[in-house]
Amino acid sequence: MSLATSVLAVNNDLPIRTHQPVHSGKVRSVYWLTPQDSARLIQERGYNVAPDAPLAIMVISDRISAFDCIWHGEGGLNGVPGKGAALNAISNHWFRLFREQGLADSHILEIPHPFVWIVQKARPVMIEAICRQYITGSMWRSYTKGEREFCGIQIPDGLQKDQRLPDLLITPSTKGILKGIPGVPEADDVNITRADIERNYAAFNFRRFEDIDFYEKLLREGFDVISHALQKIDQIFVDTKFEFGYVTDASGQEKLIYMDEVGTPDSSRIWDGPSYRQGKIIEKSKEEFRQQLLNYFPDPDILLNKDRMPERAALARDNALPEAVLMQVSHTYLDIAAKVVGSPIALSDNPKQEILDILNSQYGLIV
């Protein structure tokens, strides 16, 4: 089987029984189950959710996005071999540590296949919760232009690029376009302050004012759990994004949980520890791919300037990247995943058929 056919690039065409259009994101596709199948699985599998909770099958892909575009390679390589399996393996590992250490639950109810999550529907908090332990990337670029206040937090003069910050910095931004919030522009991914959240907590989908403290507690605890675990394998947790939402359990109790993925090379920056101590940054995350794109194209401003989005979309559509570029990403993802979980990531020649077989034989969800 060729390299291209072993990649799961299209994941929104599985014959999973659903009553709604498949929602396909940059990397994952979501199949909302019928109310009948949701209720049946809740009963059969003993999930700790409300009896009428909507459930979904979430299928990851090997697609790679950067700068808000999906990229492809030569020879029909429409994704990165092993990327999906690596991302899910890392997320699953961190979610297990969170449960073991008494942090909040996640939206994941079961993992029937390395590419698949069975999830419950959550009511999302409309915040991209970003934690930063080092000054780098966009924050460093703003710092060099004289900015010293980030999301309402003052940071000192005299910091150097890639330096560890004095404290863990929480720099939230909006998730989606939120309307009617005083002082918050109606645009996606706008930086906000804690004061913005406190004044308008209901508009951000917090149920209670005191949940703002709880969300920050989960942020810090989640960051610390992952950071300490990465330290044991001599890797540095630089920054990351968390997402949160509310679910209701079988007893009717509403609770705040982690959503989406956590601590992956897609949602975080991870640096190699030995290299950092020698003054060199070796990325173990998608930041490596972003840098490759910036170096590959002669006009990197197309990738950095949101006003040039049509040109950027054309760049991604019309340029097949060298196979070596995507294989380097594959190596990076599989390497950090193996380090995190403690064993090599098993890859399938035909993941789509495996998914269909399992969802049919064990869950009765294939039509």
Protein backbone atom coordinates (compact mmCIF):
# COMPACT_ATOMS: atom_id res chain seq x y z
CA MET A 1 0.00 0.00 0.00
CA SER A 2 1.36 3.42 -0.93
CA LEU A 3 2.18 6.19 1.50
CA ALA A 4 -0.68 8.32 0.19
CA THR A 5 -3.33 5.61 0.67
CA SER A 6 -2.21 4.94 4.26
CA VAL A 7 -3.08 8.54 5.15
CA LEU A 8 -6.60 9.23 6.39
CA ALA A 9 -7.20 12.56 4.68
CA VAL A 10 -10.98 12.39 4.14
CA ASN A 11 -12.91 11.54 7.29
CA ASN A 12 -16.37 12.98 6.62
CA ASP A 13 -17.59 10.21 4.29
CA LEU A 14 -17.98 7.29 6.70
CA PRO A 15 -21.41 5.56 6.60
CA ILE A 16 -22.09 6.20 10.27
CA ARG A 17 -25.81 6.46 11.04
CA THR A 18 -26.53 10.10 11.75
CA HIS A 19 -29.49 12.46 11.55
CA GLN A 20 -27.50 15.65 10.97
CA PRO A 21 -24.95 16.86 8.42
CA VAL A 22 -21.41 15.78 9.28
CA HIS A 23 -19.45 18.65 10.81
CA SER A 24 -15.95 18.61 9.35
CA GLY A 25 -13.30 20.79 10.96
CA LYS A 26 -9.68 21.32 10.00
CA VAL A 27 -8.65 17.97 11.47
CA ARG A 28 -11.68 16.18 12.99
CA SER A 29 -15.13 15.28 11.68
CA VAL A 30 -18.13 14.93 14.01
CA TYR A 31 -21.03 12.54 13.38
CA TRP A 32 -23.97 13.28 15.69
CA LEU A 33 -25.77 10.05 16.52
CA THR A 34 -29.52 9.70 16.36
CA PRO A 35 -31.35 10.07 19.71
CA GLN A 36 -32.11 6.35 19.55
CA ASP A 37 -28.48 5.32 19.07
CA SER A 38 -27.33 7.78 21.75
CA ALA A 39 -29.80 6.40 24.30
CA ARG A 40 -28.90 2.80 23.35
CA LEU A 41 -25.16 3.33 23.77
CA ILE A 42 -25.61 5.18 27.07
CA GLN A 43 -27.52 2.19 28.40
CA GLU A 44 -25.36 -0.53 26.85
CA ARG A 45 -21.99 1.03 27.66
CA GLY A 46 -22.91 2.50 31.04
CA TYR A 47 -21.74 6.04 30.29
CA ASN A 48 -22.06 8.48 33.21
CA VAL A 49 -24.21 10.96 31.30
CA ALA A 50 -27.85 12.02 31.26
CA PRO A 51 -30.04 9.32 29.62
CA ASP A 52 -31.02 11.69 26.81
CA ALA A 53 -27.54 13.21 26.26
CA PRO A 54 -26.62 13.67 22.59
CA LEU A 55 -23.56 11.61 21.65
CA ALA A 56 -21.25 11.85 18.65
CA ILE A 57 -18.53 9.88 16.93
CA MET A 58 -15.50 12.11 16.47
CA VAL A 59 -13.03 10.88 13.84
CA ILE A 60 -9.58 12.43 13.55
CA SER A 61 -7.69 12.68 10.26
CA ASP A 62 -4.08 13.01 9.14
CA ARG A 63 -4.75 16.42 7.55
CA ILE A 64 -2.45 19.25 8.55
CA SER A 65 -3.54 22.86 8.88
CA ALA A 66 -1.41 25.93 9.43
CA PHE A 67 -2.12 29.62 8.97
CA ASP A 68 -5.84 28.71 8.65
CA CYS A 69 -5.27 26.55 5.57
CA ILE A 70 -5.10 22.81 4.84
CA TRP A 71 -1.84 21.78 3.12
CA HIS A 72 -1.00 18.84 0.88
CA GLY A 73 2.07 17.20 -0.58
CA GLU A 74 3.44 15.70 -3.76
CA GLY A 75 2.28 12.29 -4.97
CA GLY A 76 -1.26 12.68 -3.67
CA LEU A 77 -0.08 12.96 -0.07
CA ASN A 78 -3.05 14.79 1.44
CA GLY A 79 -1.94 14.54 5.04
CA VAL A 80 0.87 13.54 7.38
CA PRO A 81 1.38 9.79 7.97
CA GLY A 82 0.73 8.95 11.62
CA LYS A 83 -0.37 12.44 12.62
CA GLY A 84 -3.92 11.54 13.63
CA ALA A 85 -2.88 8.51 15.66
CA ALA A 86 -0.13 10.55 17.36
CA LEU A 87 -2.49 13.40 18.31
CA ASN A 88 -5.13 11.12 19.76
CA ALA A 89 -2.56 9.03 21.65
CA ILE A 90 -1.10 12.13 23.28
CA SER A 91 -4.49 13.61 24.19
CA ASN A 92 -5.69 10.28 25.57
CA HIS A 93 -2.57 10.03 27.73
CA TRP A 94 -3.02 13.51 29.23
CA PHE A 95 -6.76 13.01 29.83
CA ARG A 96 -5.95 9.79 31.70
CA LEU A 97 -3.40 11.63 33.88
CA PHE A 98 -5.96 14.38 34.55
CA ARG A 99 -8.48 11.78 35.78
CA GLU A 100 -5.87 9.96 37.88
CA GLN A 101 -4.82 13.22 39.55
CA GLY A 102 -8.36 14.37 40.30
CA LEU A 103 -8.71 17.11 37.70
CA ALA A 104 -11.90 17.57 35.67
CA ASP A 105 -13.30 15.02 33.22
CA SER A 106 -13.30 15.47 29.45
CA HIS A 107 -16.02 15.13 26.82
CA ILE A 108 -14.58 11.73 25.78
CA LEU A 109 -16.66 8.73 26.89
CA GLU A 110 -14.83 5.93 25.08
CA ILE A 111 -11.98 5.36 22.61
CA PRO A 112 -12.98 2.46 20.31
CA HIS A 113 -10.11 3.03 17.84
CA PRO A 114 -6.91 5.16 17.84
CA PHE A 115 -8.62 7.56 15.38
CA VAL A 116 -12.01 7.65 17.11
CA TRP A 117 -13.59 9.19 20.19
CA ILE A 118 -17.15 8.69 21.38
CA VAL A 119 -18.04 12.02 22.96
CA GLN A 120 -20.94 13.68 24.71
CA LYS A 121 -22.25 17.03 23.60
CA ALA A 122 -20.92 19.86 25.75
CA ARG A 123 -22.02 23.46 26.09
CA PRO A 124 -18.78 25.25 25.23
CA VAL A 125 -17.28 28.15 27.12
CA MET A 126 -16.56 30.66 24.36
CA ILE A 127 -12.91 31.19 25.30
CA GLU A 128 -9.67 29.88 23.84
CA ALA A 129 -7.78 29.47 27.09
CA ILE A 130 -4.09 29.99 26.35
CA CYS A 131 -1.27 29.46 28.86
CA ARG A 132 2.27 30.70 28.25
CA GLN A 133 5.37 29.74 30.23
CA TYR A 134 7.90 31.22 27.78
CA ILE A 135 7.92 34.38 25.66
CA THR A 136 8.05 33.41 21.99
CA GLY A 137 6.02 33.52 18.79
CA SER A 138 3.39 36.22 18.39
CA MET A 139 3.87 37.38 21.97
CA TRP A 140 7.57 37.99 21.36
CA ARG A 141 6.81 39.84 18.12
CA SER A 142 4.45 42.16 20.03
CA TYR A 143 6.98 42.55 22.85
CA THR A 144 9.68 43.71 20.42
CA LYS A 145 7.26 46.41 19.23
CA GLY A 146 7.03 47.77 22.76
CA GLU A 147 3.92 46.04 24.11
CA ARG A 148 4.13 45.23 27.82
CA GLU A 149 0.49 44.49 28.60
CA PHE A 150 -1.00 41.19 27.44
CA CYS A 151 -4.66 40.46 28.17
CA GLY A 152 -4.55 42.99 30.99
CA ILE A 153 -1.36 41.58 32.54
CA GLN A 154 1.82 43.67 32.77
CA ILE A 155 5.11 41.92 32.04
CA PRO A 156 8.54 43.40 32.75
CA ASP A 157 11.10 45.01 30.46
CA GLY A 158 14.33 43.25 29.64
CA LEU A 159 13.04 39.84 28.62
CA GLN A 160 14.93 37.89 25.95
CA LYS A 161 13.44 35.83 23.13
CA ASP A 162 12.41 32.32 24.23
CA GLN A 163 13.03 33.16 27.90
CA ARG A 164 10.99 31.54 30.64
CA LEU A 165 8.43 34.01 32.00
CA PRO A 166 8.44 34.93 35.71
CA ASP A 167 4.95 33.39 36.06
CA LEU A 168 2.61 31.26 33.99
CA LEU A 169 0.67 33.74 31.87
CA ILE A 170 -3.01 33.19 31.04
CA THR A 171 -3.84 35.06 27.83
CA PRO A 172 -7.40 34.14 26.78
CA SER A 173 -9.02 35.02 23.48
CA THR A 174 -12.52 34.72 22.07
CA LYS A 175 -13.72 31.43 20.57
CA GLY A 176 -15.77 32.44 17.58
CA ILE A 177 -17.35 35.83 16.94
CA LEU A 178 -19.12 37.12 20.05
CA LYS A 179 -21.53 40.01 19.68
CA GLY A 180 -22.71 42.67 22.09
CA ILE A 181 -19.89 42.42 24.66
CA PRO A 182 -18.70 45.93 25.62
CA GLY A 183 -15.04 46.49 24.73
CA VAL A 184 -14.69 43.17 22.90
CA PRO A 185 -14.48 43.48 19.08
CA GLU A 186 -16.86 41.28 17.11
CA ALA A 187 -14.16 39.10 15.57
CA ASP A 188 -12.74 35.63 16.10
CA ASP A 189 -9.64 35.13 18.24
CA VAL A 190 -9.63 38.53 19.96
CA ASN A 191 -7.51 38.87 23.09
CA ILE A 192 -9.56 39.50 26.24
CA THR A 193 -8.80 40.27 29.88
CA ARG A 194 -10.00 38.61 33.04
CA ALA A 195 -11.95 41.81 33.72
CA ASP A 196 -13.78 41.33 30.38
CA ILE A 197 -14.73 37.82 31.46
CA GLU A 198 -15.84 38.89 34.94
CA ARG A 199 -18.04 41.69 33.60
CA ASN A 200 -19.65 39.47 30.96
CA TYR A 201 -19.27 35.91 32.27
CA ALA A 202 -22.70 34.80 31.01
CA ALA A 203 -21.92 36.06 27.49
CA PHE A 204 -18.87 33.79 27.49
CA ASN A 205 -21.16 30.89 28.49
CA PHE A 206 -20.02 30.56 32.11
CA ARG A 207 -22.92 29.29 34.20
CA ARG A 208 -21.71 30.88 37.44
CA PHE A 209 -19.37 33.75 38.26
CA GLU A 210 -17.31 31.50 40.55
CA ASP A 211 -16.60 29.17 37.60
CA ILE A 212 -14.11 31.76 36.33
CA ASP A 213 -11.84 30.86 39.25
CA PHE A 214 -12.43 27.16 38.62
CA TYR A 215 -11.58 27.45 34.93
CA GLU A 216 -8.30 29.21 35.79
CA LYS A 217 -7.56 26.51 38.39
CA LEU A 218 -8.10 23.79 35.78
CA LEU A 219 -5.91 25.72 33.35
CA ARG A 220 -3.01 25.93 35.77
CA GLU A 221 -3.40 22.37 37.04
CA GLY A 222 -3.67 20.94 33.55
CA PHE A 223 -0.62 22.88 32.42
CA ASP A 224 1.37 21.74 35.46
CA VAL A 225 0.44 18.05 35.03
CA ILE A 226 1.60 18.06 31.40
CA SER A 227 4.65 20.24 32.08
CA HIS A 228 5.89 17.99 34.90
CA ALA A 229 5.34 14.84 32.82
CA LEU A 230 7.24 16.34 29.89
CA GLN A 231 10.10 17.34 32.20
CA LYS A 232 10.58 13.65 33.01
CA ILE A 233 11.37 12.99 29.33
CA ASP A 234 13.44 16.20 29.09
CA GLN A 235 10.95 18.13 26.96
CA ILE A 236 9.72 21.67 27.68
CA PHE A 237 6.04 22.64 27.70
CA VAL A 238 6.19 26.16 26.26
CA ASP A 239 2.57 27.17 25.77
CA THR A 240 -0.78 25.56 25.03
CA LYS A 241 -4.47 26.06 24.44
CA PHE A 242 -7.29 24.54 26.49
CA GLU A 243 -11.01 24.56 25.81
CA PHE A 244 -13.80 23.99 28.32
CA GLY A 245 -17.49 23.23 28.34
CA TYR A 246 -20.35 22.02 30.52
CA VAL A 247 -21.97 18.59 30.57
CA THR A 248 -24.58 16.93 32.79
CA ASP A 249 -23.85 13.55 34.37
CA ALA A 250 -26.25 10.67 35.06
CA SER A 251 -27.26 12.16 38.43
CA GLY A 252 -28.23 15.48 36.80
CA GLN A 253 -25.14 17.30 38.08
CA GLU A 254 -23.75 19.95 35.73
CA LYS A 255 -19.97 20.14 35.63
CA LEU A 256 -17.20 22.02 33.85
CA ILE A 257 -14.94 19.74 31.79
CA TYR A 258 -12.01 19.83 29.38
CA MET A 259 -12.98 19.77 25.70
CA ASP A 260 -11.22 19.11 22.42
CA GLU A 261 -7.60 17.93 22.54
CA VAL A 262 -5.00 18.78 25.19
CA GLY A 263 -1.23 19.07 25.18
CA THR A 264 -0.74 17.96 21.58
CA PRO A 265 1.76 19.22 19.01
CA ASP A 266 -1.20 20.85 17.25
CA SER A 267 -2.42 22.84 20.25
CA SER A 268 0.90 23.46 22.04
CA ARG A 269 4.52 24.38 21.64
CA ILE A 270 6.95 21.77 22.92
CA TRP A 271 10.73 22.23 22.85
CA ASP A 272 13.54 19.72 23.16
CA GLY A 273 15.15 20.20 26.59
CA PRO A 274 18.80 19.34 25.84
CA SER A 275 18.83 21.62 22.78
CA TYR A 276 17.26 24.51 24.73
CA ARG A 277 19.99 24.30 27.36
CA GLN A 278 22.54 24.64 24.54
CA GLY A 279 20.83 27.78 23.28
CA LYS A 280 19.03 26.15 20.36
CA ILE A 281 15.27 25.78 19.81
CA ILE A 282 14.16 22.42 18.40
CA GLU A 283 10.38 22.43 17.94
CA LYS A 284 8.46 19.24 18.75
CA SER A 285 5.16 20.66 17.55
CA LYS A 286 3.37 22.14 14.55
CA GLU A 287 5.44 25.30 15.02
CA GLU A 288 8.19 23.42 13.16
CA PHE A 289 5.86 23.06 10.13
CA ARG A 290 4.87 26.74 10.31
CA GLN A 291 8.53 27.71 10.19
CA GLN A 292 9.09 25.38 7.24
CA LEU A 293 6.26 27.10 5.35
CA LEU A 294 7.64 30.57 6.16
CA ASN A 295 11.04 29.51 4.84
CA TYR A 296 9.67 27.68 1.80
CA PHE A 297 7.65 30.46 0.20
CA PRO A 298 9.43 33.59 -1.05
CA ASP A 299 6.83 36.01 0.40
CA PRO A 300 6.12 34.90 3.99
CA ASP A 301 3.94 37.98 4.55
CA ILE A 302 1.17 36.10 2.72
CA LEU A 303 1.13 33.61 5.59
CA LEU A 304 1.37 36.19 8.36
CA ASN A 305 -0.94 38.91 7.04
CA LYS A 306 -4.64 38.16 7.57
CA ASP A 307 -5.51 40.78 4.96
CA ARG A 308 -3.95 38.51 2.33
CA MET A 309 -6.12 35.50 3.09
CA PRO A 310 -7.26 34.92 -0.55
CA GLU A 311 -3.60 34.74 -1.63
CA ARG A 312 -2.84 32.41 1.26
CA ALA A 313 -5.72 30.09 0.36
CA ALA A 314 -4.46 29.97 -3.24
CA LEU A 315 -0.94 29.21 -2.01
CA ALA A 316 -2.18 26.18 -0.05
CA ARG A 317 -4.45 25.01 -2.87
CA ASP A 318 -1.97 25.34 -5.73
CA ASN A 319 1.28 24.18 -4.13
CA ALA A 320 2.01 20.54 -3.38
CA LEU A 321 4.72 20.56 -0.72
CA PRO A 322 7.75 18.27 -1.05
CA GLU A 323 7.14 14.85 0.45
CA ALA A 324 10.19 15.37 2.67
CA VAL A 325 8.48 18.32 4.40
CA LEU A 326 5.44 16.26 5.41
CA MET A 327 7.59 13.28 6.38
CA GLN A 328 9.62 15.50 8.72
CA VAL A 329 6.34 16.53 10.39
CA SER A 330 5.42 12.83 10.61
CA HIS A 331 8.72 12.04 12.32
CA THR A 332 8.30 14.91 14.80
CA TYR A 333 4.74 13.93 15.77
CA LEU A 334 5.42 10.20 16.06
CA ASP A 335 8.61 10.82 18.02
CA ILE A 336 7.05 13.09 20.64
CA ALA A 337 3.99 10.79 20.89
CA ALA A 338 6.21 7.76 21.52
CA LYS A 339 8.11 9.68 24.19
CA VAL A 340 4.88 10.80 25.89
CA VAL A 341 3.09 7.44 25.95
CA GLY A 342 6.25 5.38 26.44
CA SER A 343 5.98 3.16 23.35
CA PRO A 344 5.94 3.49 19.55
CA ILE A 345 2.64 4.49 17.94
CA ALA A 346 1.15 1.61 15.96
CA LEU A 347 0.09 2.67 12.47
CA SER A 348 -2.50 1.06 10.22
CA ASP A 349 -2.33 0.53 6.47
CA ASN A 350 -6.09 1.07 6.25
CA PRO A 351 -7.45 2.96 9.25
CA LYS A 352 -10.79 3.76 7.60
CA GLN A 353 -11.69 0.10 7.17
CA GLU A 354 -10.66 -0.64 10.75
CA ILE A 355 -12.93 2.16 11.99
CA LEU A 356 -15.88 0.83 9.98
CA ASP A 357 -15.35 -2.74 11.21
CA ILE A 358 -15.23 -1.71 14.89
CA LEU A 359 -18.14 0.73 14.75
CA ASN A 360 -20.20 -1.93 12.96
CA SER A 361 -19.38 -5.03 14.99
CA GLN A 362 -19.16 -3.50 18.48
CA TYR A 363 -21.45 -0.48 18.32
CA GLY A 364 -23.95 -1.14 15.52
CA LEU A 365 -23.55 2.33 14.02
CA ILE A 366 -22.78 1.60 10.35
CA VAL A 367 -25.56 1.81 7.77
